[in-house]
Amino acid sequence: MNERTHRSACPIATALDVLGDRWTLVVIRDIFMGKKRYQEFLNGPERITTNILAQRLKYLEDTELVIKALYQEHPPRYEYALSDKGKALAPVLSSLWDWSQVWEMGKKKAPPCPF
């Protein structure tokens, strides 16, 4: 496990140190929903930019939330999958999905939670 510095001993602050930027949970959501390849992530409705996506995927690999596997050698191309640590976020994403549906989205209904 990678040693990282966290701002405090509070579990919420520590989780936010790992997951609290604008894109991390969106990329993790996409992997849960079946996306594996770089181009698939770029096609999401949030319109993540290529440089941010590359940084985020590297970060997710470094934090051991995602596993990268080579699927094409020339040019090198990778698929991304959740590690056990990443898969353990399913109930967190499900709770966020449900909370947002009730408290933030109002009458705009999302599809059923896929997690």
Protein backbone atom coordinates (compact mmCIF):
# COMPACT_ATOMS: atom_id res chain seq x y z
CA MET A 1 0.00 0.00 0.00
CA ASN A 2 1.29 3.46 -0.86
CA GLU A 3 2.11 5.76 2.02
CA ARG A 4 0.37 9.10 1.65
CA THR A 5 0.10 12.12 3.87
CA HIS A 6 -3.37 13.06 4.98
CA ARG A 7 -4.41 16.37 6.48
CA SER A 8 -5.83 14.81 9.65
CA ALA A 9 -6.74 11.57 11.36
CA CYS A 10 -10.43 12.09 10.54
CA PRO A 11 -11.74 9.29 8.27
CA ILE A 12 -13.91 11.72 6.25
CA ALA A 13 -10.99 14.08 5.62
CA THR A 14 -8.77 11.12 4.73
CA ALA A 15 -11.36 9.78 2.25
CA LEU A 16 -11.63 13.24 0.70
CA ASP A 17 -7.85 13.41 0.40
CA VAL A 18 -8.10 10.33 -1.86
CA LEU A 19 -11.48 10.78 -3.56
CA GLY A 20 -12.45 14.42 -3.17
CA ASP A 21 -11.44 16.02 -6.46
CA ARG A 22 -13.83 16.77 -9.31
CA TRP A 23 -13.10 13.67 -11.44
CA THR A 24 -12.04 10.65 -9.36
CA LEU A 25 -15.50 9.34 -8.51
CA VAL A 26 -16.77 10.06 -12.03
CA VAL A 27 -14.04 7.86 -13.55
CA ILE A 28 -14.68 5.17 -10.93
CA ARG A 29 -18.42 5.36 -11.71
CA ASP A 30 -17.64 4.89 -15.41
CA ILE A 31 -15.59 1.77 -14.70
CA PHE A 32 -18.41 0.36 -12.58
CA MET A 33 -20.74 1.03 -15.52
CA GLY A 34 -18.54 -0.97 -17.91
CA LYS A 35 -16.10 1.51 -19.44
CA LYS A 36 -12.57 0.14 -19.76
CA ARG A 37 -10.72 2.12 -22.38
CA TYR A 38 -9.45 5.69 -22.60
CA GLN A 39 -11.74 6.73 -25.46
CA GLU A 40 -14.79 5.39 -23.64
CA PHE A 41 -14.04 7.68 -20.69
CA LEU A 42 -13.65 10.67 -23.01
CA ASN A 43 -17.13 10.08 -24.43
CA GLY A 44 -18.86 10.65 -21.07
CA PRO A 45 -21.45 13.42 -20.62
CA GLU A 46 -19.17 15.35 -18.25
CA ARG A 47 -16.61 15.94 -21.04
CA ILE A 48 -13.39 15.25 -19.16
CA THR A 49 -10.37 16.60 -21.04
CA THR A 50 -7.58 14.31 -22.25
CA ASN A 51 -4.92 15.72 -19.94
CA ILE A 52 -7.15 15.48 -16.85
CA LEU A 53 -8.23 11.95 -17.77
CA ALA A 54 -4.62 10.81 -18.19
CA GLN A 55 -3.70 12.34 -14.82
CA ARG A 56 -6.73 10.84 -13.11
CA LEU A 57 -6.15 7.32 -14.46
CA LYS A 58 -2.50 7.48 -13.35
CA TYR A 59 -3.61 8.72 -9.92
CA LEU A 60 -6.18 5.92 -9.59
CA GLU A 61 -3.51 3.39 -10.45
CA ASP A 62 -1.07 4.95 -7.95
CA THR A 63 -3.68 4.86 -5.18
CA GLU A 64 -4.40 1.20 -5.99
CA LEU A 65 -8.05 1.81 -6.86
CA VAL A 66 -7.59 0.79 -10.51
CA ILE A 67 -5.54 -1.85 -12.29
CA LYS A 68 -4.16 -1.11 -15.77
CA ALA A 69 -3.65 -3.93 -18.30
CA LEU A 70 -2.05 -3.72 -21.74
CA TYR A 71 -4.41 -4.91 -24.48
CA GLN A 72 -2.47 -3.66 -27.54
CA GLU A 73 1.30 -3.33 -27.89
CA HIS A 74 1.73 -1.07 -30.94
CA PRO A 75 0.81 1.58 -30.06
CA PRO A 76 0.50 0.68 -26.38
CA ARG A 77 -3.13 0.81 -25.24
CA TYR A 78 -4.57 -0.12 -21.89
CA GLU A 79 -7.78 -1.23 -20.28
CA TYR A 80 -8.69 -0.21 -16.76
CA ALA A 81 -10.47 -2.26 -14.11
CA LEU A 82 -11.25 -1.71 -10.46
CA SER A 83 -9.05 -3.36 -7.88
CA ASP A 84 -10.66 -4.89 -4.81
CA LYS A 85 -10.06 -1.56 -3.08
CA GLY A 86 -11.89 0.23 -5.91
CA LYS A 87 -14.75 -2.29 -5.94
CA ALA A 88 -15.23 -1.66 -2.22
CA LEU A 89 -16.48 1.83 -3.17
CA ALA A 90 -19.74 0.39 -4.60
CA PRO A 91 -21.84 1.08 -1.47
CA VAL A 92 -20.35 4.59 -1.23
CA LEU A 93 -21.32 5.39 -4.82
CA SER A 94 -24.73 3.83 -4.33
CA SER A 95 -25.36 6.01 -1.27
CA LEU A 96 -24.20 9.14 -3.12
CA TRP A 97 -26.43 8.20 -6.08
CA ASP A 98 -29.46 7.82 -3.80
CA TRP A 99 -28.72 10.98 -1.80
CA SER A 100 -28.32 13.08 -4.95
CA GLN A 101 -31.49 11.67 -6.46
CA VAL A 102 -33.51 12.69 -3.39
CA TRP A 103 -31.86 15.96 -2.37
CA GLU A 104 -30.26 17.50 -5.46
CA MET A 105 -31.85 16.28 -8.68
CA GLY A 106 -35.44 17.10 -7.84
CA LYS A 107 -37.80 15.95 -10.57
CA LYS A 108 -34.96 14.97 -12.93
CA LYS A 109 -34.84 11.22 -12.44
CA ALA A 110 -31.72 9.23 -13.14
CA PRO A 111 -31.88 5.57 -14.12
CA PRO A 112 -31.77 3.04 -11.28
CA CYS A 113 -28.46 2.87 -9.47
CA PRO A 114 -26.16 0.40 -11.27
CA PHE A 115 -23.97 -0.34 -8.23
